[in-house]
C-alpha atoms as a PDB file:
ATOM      1  CA  MET A   1    -149.769-126.958 132.296  1.00  0.00           C
ATOM      2  CA  SER A   2    -152.508-128.887 134.919  1.00  0.00           C
ATOM      3  CA  ARG A   3    -155.420-130.923 133.838  1.00  0.00           C
ATOM      4  CA  HIS A   4    -157.704-127.926 134.702  1.00  0.00           C
ATOM      5  CA  GLY A   5    -155.590-125.495 132.578  1.00  0.00           C
ATOM      6  CA  ASP A   6    -153.986-123.507 135.332  1.00  0.00           C
ATOM      7  CA  VAL A   7    -152.209-121.240 132.714  1.00  0.00           C
ATOM      8  CA  THR A   8    -151.875-117.826 134.731  1.00  0.00           C
ATOM      9  CA  SER A   9    -148.017-118.330 134.612  1.00  0.00           C
ATOM     10  CA  ASP A  10    -147.562-119.919 131.267  1.00  0.00           C
ATOM     11  CA  PRO A  11    -144.934-118.027 129.119  1.00  0.00           C
ATOM     12  CA  ALA A  12    -146.912-118.610 126.248  1.00  0.00           C
ATOM     13  CA  ILE A  13    -149.781-116.690 127.569  1.00  0.00           C
ATOM     14  CA  ALA A  14    -147.714-113.992 128.518  1.00  0.00           C
ATOM     15  CA  TRP A  15    -146.286-113.761 125.087  1.00  0.00           C
ATOM     16  CA  ALA A  16    -149.877-113.780 123.647  1.00  0.00           C
ATOM     17  CA  GLY A  17    -150.707-110.166 124.748  1.00  0.00           C
ATOM     18  CA  THR A  18    -147.259-108.693 123.720  1.00  0.00           C
ATOM     19  CA  GLY A  19    -146.213-110.129 120.456  1.00  0.00           C
ATOM     20  CA  ALA A  20    -145.613-108.187 117.424  1.00  0.00           C
ATOM     21  CA  GLY A  21    -148.673-109.427 115.698  1.00  0.00           C
ATOM     22  CA  ALA A  22    -150.843-108.798 118.782  1.00  0.00           C
ATOM     23  CA  ARG A  23    -153.570-105.985 118.417  1.00  0.00           C
ATOM     24  CA  ALA A  24    -155.924-104.350 121.087  1.00  0.00           C
ATOM     25  CA  ASP A  25    -158.958-103.209 119.435  1.00  0.00           C
ATOM     26  CA  GLY A  26    -160.719-102.107 122.886  1.00  0.00           C
ATOM     27  CA  PRO A  27    -163.295-104.106 124.908  1.00  0.00           C
ATOM     28  CA  VAL A  28    -164.921-107.400 123.293  1.00  0.00           C
ATOM     29  CA  ASP A  29    -167.752-108.824 124.555  1.00  0.00           C
ATOM     30  CA  ALA A  30    -169.107-112.228 124.187  1.00  0.00           C
ATOM     31  CA  ALA A  31    -171.687-111.296 121.831  1.00  0.00           C
ATOM     32  CA  SER A  32    -168.993-109.791 119.349  1.00  0.00           C
ATOM     33  CA  VAL A  33    -166.814-112.905 119.579  1.00  0.00           C
ATOM     34  CA  VAL A  34    -169.724-115.162 118.579  1.00  0.00           C
ATOM     35  CA  GLY A  35    -170.933-113.370 116.238  1.00  0.00           C
ATOM     36  CA  PHE A  36    -167.631-112.924 114.236  1.00  0.00           C
ATOM     37  CA  TRP A  37    -167.320-116.698 114.462  1.00  0.00           C
ATOM     38  CA  ARG A  38    -170.810-117.365 113.209  1.00  0.00           C
ATOM     39  CA  GLU A  39    -170.393-114.980 110.521  1.00  0.00           C
ATOM     40  CA  ALA A  40    -167.030-116.510 109.425  1.00  0.00           C
ATOM     41  CA  GLY A  41    -168.921-120.014 108.710  1.00  0.00           C
ATOM     42  CA  MET A  42    -167.899-123.691 108.186  1.00  0.00           C
ATOM     43  CA  GLN A  43    -165.567-122.926 105.262  1.00  0.00           C
ATOM     44  CA  ARG A  44    -163.428-120.740 107.270  1.00  0.00           C
ATOM     45  CA  TRP A  45    -163.559-122.400 110.546  1.00  0.00           C
ATOM     46  CA  PHE A  46    -161.954-125.884 109.125  1.00  0.00           C
ATOM     47  CA  ASN A  47    -159.785-124.603 106.465  1.00  0.00           C
ATOM     48  CA  ARG A  48    -156.533-123.137 106.619  1.00  0.00           C
ATOM     49  CA  ASP A  49    -157.057-119.516 105.560  1.00  0.00           C
ATOM     50  CA  ASP A  50    -154.183-116.834 106.096  1.00  0.00           C
ATOM     51  CA  ALA A  51    -156.579-113.947 105.803  1.00  0.00           C
ATOM     52  CA  PHE A  52    -159.060-115.574 108.531  1.00  0.00           C
ATOM     53  CA  ASP A  53    -156.165-116.278 110.869  1.00  0.00           C
ATOM     54  CA  HIS A  54    -155.147-112.381 110.256  1.00  0.00           C
ATOM     55  CA  GLU A  55    -158.837-111.276 111.217  1.00  0.00           C
ATOM     56  CA  CYS A  56    -158.635-113.481 114.213  1.00  0.00           C
ATOM     57  CA  THR A  57    -155.882-111.215 115.810  1.00  0.00           C
ATOM     58  CA  ARG A  58    -158.377-108.838 116.662  1.00  0.00           C
ATOM     59  CA  PHE A  59    -159.202-110.894 119.753  1.00  0.00           C
ATOM     60  CA  LEU A  60    -155.656-111.514 120.968  1.00  0.00           C
ATOM     61  CA  ALA A  61    -156.210-109.001 124.076  1.00  0.00           C
ATOM     62  CA  ALA A  62    -159.757-111.000 124.765  1.00  0.00           C
ATOM     63  CA  HIS A  63    -157.779-114.297 124.425  1.00  0.00           C
ATOM     64  CA  HIS A  64    -155.052-112.977 126.796  1.00  0.00           C
ATOM     65  CA  ALA A  65    -157.883-111.972 129.365  1.00  0.00           C
ATOM     66  CA  ALA A  66    -159.616-115.313 129.009  1.00  0.00           C
ATOM     67  CA  ALA A  67    -156.347-117.252 129.825  1.00  0.00           C
ATOM     68  CA  ARG A  68    -155.733-115.134 132.991  1.00  0.00           C
ATOM     69  CA  ARG A  69    -159.553-116.386 133.973  1.00  0.00           C
ATOM     70  CA  GLY A  70    -160.363-112.868 133.682  1.00  0.00           C
ATOM     71  CA  LEU A  71    -163.464-113.430 131.741  1.00  0.00           C
ATOM     72  CA  GLU A  72    -165.080-116.002 134.459  1.00  0.00           C
ATOM     73  CA  ALA A  73    -168.143-113.861 134.615  1.00  0.00           C
ATOM     74  CA  TRP A  74    -168.761-114.927 130.805  1.00  0.00           C
ATOM     75  CA  MET A  75    -169.748-118.439 132.270  1.00  0.00           C
ATOM     76  CA  ALA A  76    -173.155-117.198 133.363  1.00  0.00           C
ATOM     77  CA  SER A  77    -174.706-117.786 129.932  1.00  0.00           C
ATOM     78  CA  ALA A  78    -174.461-120.070 127.133  1.00  0.00           C
ATOM     79  CA  GLU A  79    -173.255-117.287 124.953  1.00  0.00           C
ATOM     80  CA  GLY A  80    -170.575-116.029 127.182  1.00  0.00           C
ATOM     81  CA  ALA A  81    -169.465-119.611 127.738  1.00  0.00           C
ATOM     82  CA  LEU A  82    -169.143-120.205 123.975  1.00  0.00           C
ATOM     83  CA  ALA A  83    -167.305-117.113 123.625  1.00  0.00           C
ATOM     84  CA  LEU A  84    -164.686-118.249 126.240  1.00  0.00           C
ATOM     85  CA  LEU A  85    -164.317-121.585 124.399  1.00  0.00           C
ATOM     86  CA  LEU A  86    -163.851-119.977 121.092  1.00  0.00           C
ATOM     87  CA  LEU A  87    -161.413-117.701 122.646  1.00  0.00           C
ATOM     88  CA  LEU A  88    -159.248-120.423 124.498  1.00  0.00           C
ATOM     89  CA  ASP A  89    -159.649-123.276 121.778  1.00  0.00           C
ATOM     90  CA  GLN A  90    -160.034-121.987 118.274  1.00  0.00           C
ATOM     91  CA  ILE A  91    -158.618-118.542 118.313  1.00  0.00           C
ATOM     92  CA  PRO A  92    -155.353-119.605 119.330  1.00  0.00           C
ATOM     93  CA  ARG A  93    -155.065-122.359 116.578  1.00  0.00           C
ATOM     94  CA  ASN A  94    -155.813-119.490 113.969  1.00  0.00           C
ATOM     95  CA  VAL A  95    -153.369-116.731 115.793  1.00  0.00           C
ATOM     96  CA  PHE A  96    -150.631-118.875 116.816  1.00  0.00           C
ATOM     97  CA  ARG A  97    -150.713-121.539 114.044  1.00  0.00           C
ATOM     98  CA  ASP A  98    -147.960-124.154 114.084  1.00  0.00           C
ATOM     99  CA  SER A  99    -146.471-123.130 117.323  1.00  0.00           C
ATOM    100  CA  ALA A 100    -146.750-124.269 120.870  1.00  0.00           C
ATOM    101  CA  HIS A 101    -148.980-121.179 121.589  1.00  0.00           C
ATOM    102  CA  ALA A 102    -151.376-122.545 119.792  1.00  0.00           C
ATOM    103  CA  TYR A 103    -152.203-125.400 122.433  1.00  0.00           C
ATOM    104  CA  ALA A 104    -151.330-123.327 125.442  1.00  0.00           C
ATOM    105  CA  THR A 105    -155.035-122.894 126.541  1.00  0.00           C
ATOM    106  CA  ASP A 106    -156.239-126.239 125.803  1.00  0.00           C
ATOM    107  CA  GLY A 107    -156.766-127.332 129.497  1.00  0.00           C
ATOM    108  CA  LEU A 108    -158.358-124.176 130.485  1.00  0.00           C
ATOM    109  CA  ALA A 109    -160.503-124.617 127.787  1.00  0.00           C
ATOM    110  CA  ARG A 110    -161.635-128.382 128.524  1.00  0.00           C
ATOM    111  CA  HIS A 111    -162.344-126.943 132.328  1.00  0.00           C
ATOM    112  CA  TYR A 112    -164.718-124.445 130.832  1.00  0.00           C
ATOM    113  CA  ALA A 113    -166.247-126.895 128.346  1.00  0.00           C
ATOM    114  CA  THR A 114    -167.067-129.359 131.336  1.00  0.00           C
ATOM    115  CA  ARG A 115    -168.516-126.613 133.186  1.00  0.00           C
ATOM    116  CA  ALA A 116    -170.801-125.298 130.136  1.00  0.00           C
ATOM    117  CA  ILE A 117    -171.932-129.017 129.502  1.00  0.00           C
ATOM    118  CA  THR A 118    -172.817-129.476 132.972  1.00  0.00           C
ATOM    119  CA  ALA A 119    -174.977-126.526 132.545  1.00  0.00           C
ATOM    120  CA  GLY A 120    -176.550-127.727 129.637  1.00  0.00           C
ATOM    121  CA  PHE A 121    -175.387-124.586 127.604  1.00  0.00           C
ATOM    122  CA  ASP A 122    -174.518-126.652 124.748  1.00  0.00           C
ATOM    123  CA  ARG A 123    -177.824-127.814 124.137  1.00  0.00           C
ATOM    124  CA  THR A 124    -179.054-124.285 123.921  1.00  0.00           C
ATOM    125  CA  VAL A 125    -177.007-122.817 121.186  1.00  0.00           C
ATOM    126  CA  ASP A 126    -177.553-123.100 117.306  1.00  0.00           C
ATOM    127  CA  PRO A 127    -176.716-126.379 115.989  1.00  0.00           C
ATOM    128  CA  ASP A 128    -173.764-125.704 113.895  1.00  0.00           C
ATOM    129  CA  LEU A 129    -172.132-124.099 117.025  1.00  0.00           C
ATOM    130  CA  ARG A 130    -172.726-126.708 119.303  1.00  0.00           C
ATOM    131  CA  VAL A 131    -169.561-128.613 118.220  1.00  0.00           C
ATOM    132  CA  PHE A 132    -167.372-126.086 119.677  1.00  0.00           C
ATOM    133  CA  PHE A 133    -168.277-127.145 123.251  1.00  0.00           C
ATOM    134  CA  TYR A 134    -167.139-130.504 122.622  1.00  0.00           C
ATOM    135  CA  LEU A 135    -163.672-129.525 120.499  1.00  0.00           C
ATOM    136  CA  PRO A 136    -161.800-129.007 123.488  1.00  0.00           C
ATOM    137  CA  TYR A 137    -162.174-132.923 124.365  1.00  0.00           C
ATOM    138  CA  GLU A 138    -161.315-133.729 120.432  1.00  0.00           C
ATOM    139  CA  HIS A 139    -158.016-131.711 120.710  1.00  0.00           C
ATOM    140  CA  SER A 140    -156.970-133.576 124.008  1.00  0.00           C
ATOM    141  CA  GLU A 141    -153.961-135.820 124.098  1.00  0.00           C
ATOM    142  CA  ASP A 142    -155.890-137.708 127.013  1.00  0.00           C
ATOM    143  CA  LEU A 143    -157.689-140.957 126.089  1.00  0.00           C
ATOM    144  CA  ASP A 144    -160.630-140.546 128.168  1.00  0.00           C
ATOM    145  CA  ASP A 145    -161.237-137.069 127.031  1.00  0.00           C
ATOM    146  CA  GLN A 146    -161.160-138.565 123.335  1.00  0.00           C
ATOM    147  CA  ARG A 147    -163.632-140.829 124.528  1.00  0.00           C
ATOM    148  CA  ARG A 148    -165.888-138.448 125.955  1.00  0.00           C
ATOM    149  CA  SER A 149    -165.355-136.247 122.414  1.00  0.00           C
ATOM    150  CA  VAL A 150    -166.734-139.069 120.631  1.00  0.00           C
ATOM    151  CA  ALA A 151    -169.710-139.442 122.880  1.00  0.00           C
ATOM    152  CA  LEU A 152    -170.482-136.046 122.580  1.00  0.00           C
ATOM    153  CA  HIS A 153    -170.099-135.731 118.846  1.00  0.00           C
ATOM    154  CA  ARG A 154    -172.612-138.679 118.545  1.00  0.00           C
ATOM    155  CA  THR A 155    -175.155-136.473 120.069  1.00  0.00           C
ATOM    156  CA  LEU A 156    -174.977-134.233 116.912  1.00  0.00           C
ATOM    157  CA  PRO A 157    -177.372-134.369 114.210  1.00  0.00           C
ATOM    158  CA  GLY A 158    -175.942-136.035 111.135  1.00  0.00           C
ATOM    159  CA  GLU A 159    -174.969-139.721 110.443  1.00  0.00           C
ATOM    160  CA  GLN A 160    -171.342-138.890 110.334  1.00  0.00           C
ATOM    161  CA  ALA A 161    -171.443-136.298 113.141  1.00  0.00           C
ATOM    162  CA  ASP A 162    -168.557-138.144 114.848  1.00  0.00           C
ATOM    163  CA  HIS A 163    -166.427-138.774 111.896  1.00  0.00           C
ATOM    164  CA  TRP A 164    -163.490-136.466 112.952  1.00  0.00           C
ATOM    165  CA  ALA A 165    -163.723-137.148 116.644  1.00  0.00           C
ATOM    166  CA  VAL A 166    -163.086-141.075 115.826  1.00  0.00           C
ATOM    167  CA  LEU A 167    -160.287-140.187 113.842  1.00  0.00           C
ATOM    168  CA  HIS A 168    -158.658-138.224 116.626  1.00  0.00           C
ATOM    169  CA  LEU A 169    -159.299-141.224 119.117  1.00  0.00           C
ATOM    170  CA  ASP A 170    -157.688-143.617 116.533  1.00  0.00           C
ATOM    171  CA  ILE A 171    -154.459-141.379 116.673  1.00  0.00           C
ATOM    172  CA  ILE A 172    -154.513-141.134 120.470  1.00  0.00           C
ATOM    173  CA  GLU A 173    -155.104-145.002 120.756  1.00  0.00           C
ATOM    174  CA  ARG A 174    -152.544-145.577 118.453  1.00  0.00           C
ATOM    175  CA  PHE A 175    -149.728-142.914 119.612  1.00  0.00           C
ATOM    176  CA  GLY A 176    -150.904-141.637 122.907  1.00  0.00           C
ATOM    177  CA  ARG A 177    -150.331-138.170 121.362  1.00  0.00           C
ATOM    178  CA  PHE A 178    -150.862-136.378 118.147  1.00  0.00           C
ATOM    179  CA  PRO A 179    -147.645-136.635 116.131  1.00  0.00           C
ATOM    180  CA  HIS A 180    -148.207-133.685 113.939  1.00  0.00           C
ATOM    181  CA  ARG A 181    -147.713-131.319 117.184  1.00  0.00           C
ATOM    182  CA  ASN A 182    -144.260-132.755 117.784  1.00  0.00           C
ATOM    183  CA  ALA A 183    -142.402-130.280 115.867  1.00  0.00           C
ATOM    184  CA  ALA A 184    -144.135-127.386 117.350  1.00  0.00           C
ATOM    185  CA  LEU A 185    -144.228-128.768 121.330  1.00  0.00           C
ATOM    186  CA  GLY A 186    -140.104-129.892 120.821  1.00  0.00           C
ATOM    187  CA  ARG A 187    -140.890-133.404 120.935  1.00  0.00           C
ATOM    188  CA  THR A 188    -138.936-136.164 119.491  1.00  0.00           C
ATOM    189  CA  THR A 189    -140.936-137.887 116.884  1.00  0.00           C
ATOM    190  CA  THR A 190    -140.585-141.883 116.728  1.00  0.00           C
ATOM    191  CA  ALA A 191    -140.078-143.870 113.679  1.00  0.00           C
ATOM    192  CA  GLU A 192    -143.827-145.286 113.557  1.00  0.00           C
ATOM    193  CA  GLU A 193    -144.653-141.620 113.909  1.00  0.00           C
ATOM    194  CA  GLN A 194    -142.708-140.321 111.182  1.00  0.00           C
ATOM    195  CA  ALA A 195    -143.885-143.011 108.986  1.00  0.00           C
ATOM    196  CA  PHE A 196    -147.378-141.896 109.758  1.00  0.00           C
ATOM    197  CA  LEU A 197    -146.815-138.386 108.961  1.00  0.00           C
ATOM    198  CA  ASP A 198    -145.009-139.160 105.709  1.00  0.00           C
ATOM    199  CA  GLY A 199    -148.226-141.143 104.894  1.00  0.00           C
ATOM    200  CA  GLY A 200    -150.445-138.065 105.157  1.00  0.00           C
ATOM    201  CA  GLY A 201    -151.423-138.883 108.616  1.00  0.00           C
ATOM    202  CA  PHE A 202    -154.346-136.513 109.997  1.00  0.00           C
ATOM    203  CA  SER A 203    -153.077-133.494 111.305  1.00  0.00           C
ATOM    204  CA  GLY A 204    -156.509-131.654 112.465  1.00  0.00           C
END
């Protein structure tokens, strides 16, 4: 997949709308995506929750459309841009957890995040939701993206707003990739990476 996330021919995306767990609950608009995510709250956003993962399948068709760049018009507003980022960076991590599909649209999410931040959309949403404009960089295995992630997180309120971003940066500086993704992506784990994982290495 290219740096700018051209995923229209990615087999993972073709699968996303046709898998056994896929659901199509009719048209979805940006407000419904953001509303669902806001209501879920931080406890469900950042903790493994099988029930929440299942609830996220309601947005599979919208995820599939976003992956085809079929929701480009949503980039006209901050709410629309946020919804796109949720569909491309967050929803797949719930719906396709522990599989390569979870990361298939990361490049496209970064592409939209860059455009949204350039437009200043991140500064117009609720503080609790602003972080989702920055997570696409935190999820990248590119060192420059990681450094940008830390810088962006440091603009958030709170003394430890950059805590998780710094942890992600440290892993990329050490390994050049996230070792916990190796199994899902079919990559060979090095001895150093295995020791890190065996020692409870961070897997966010």
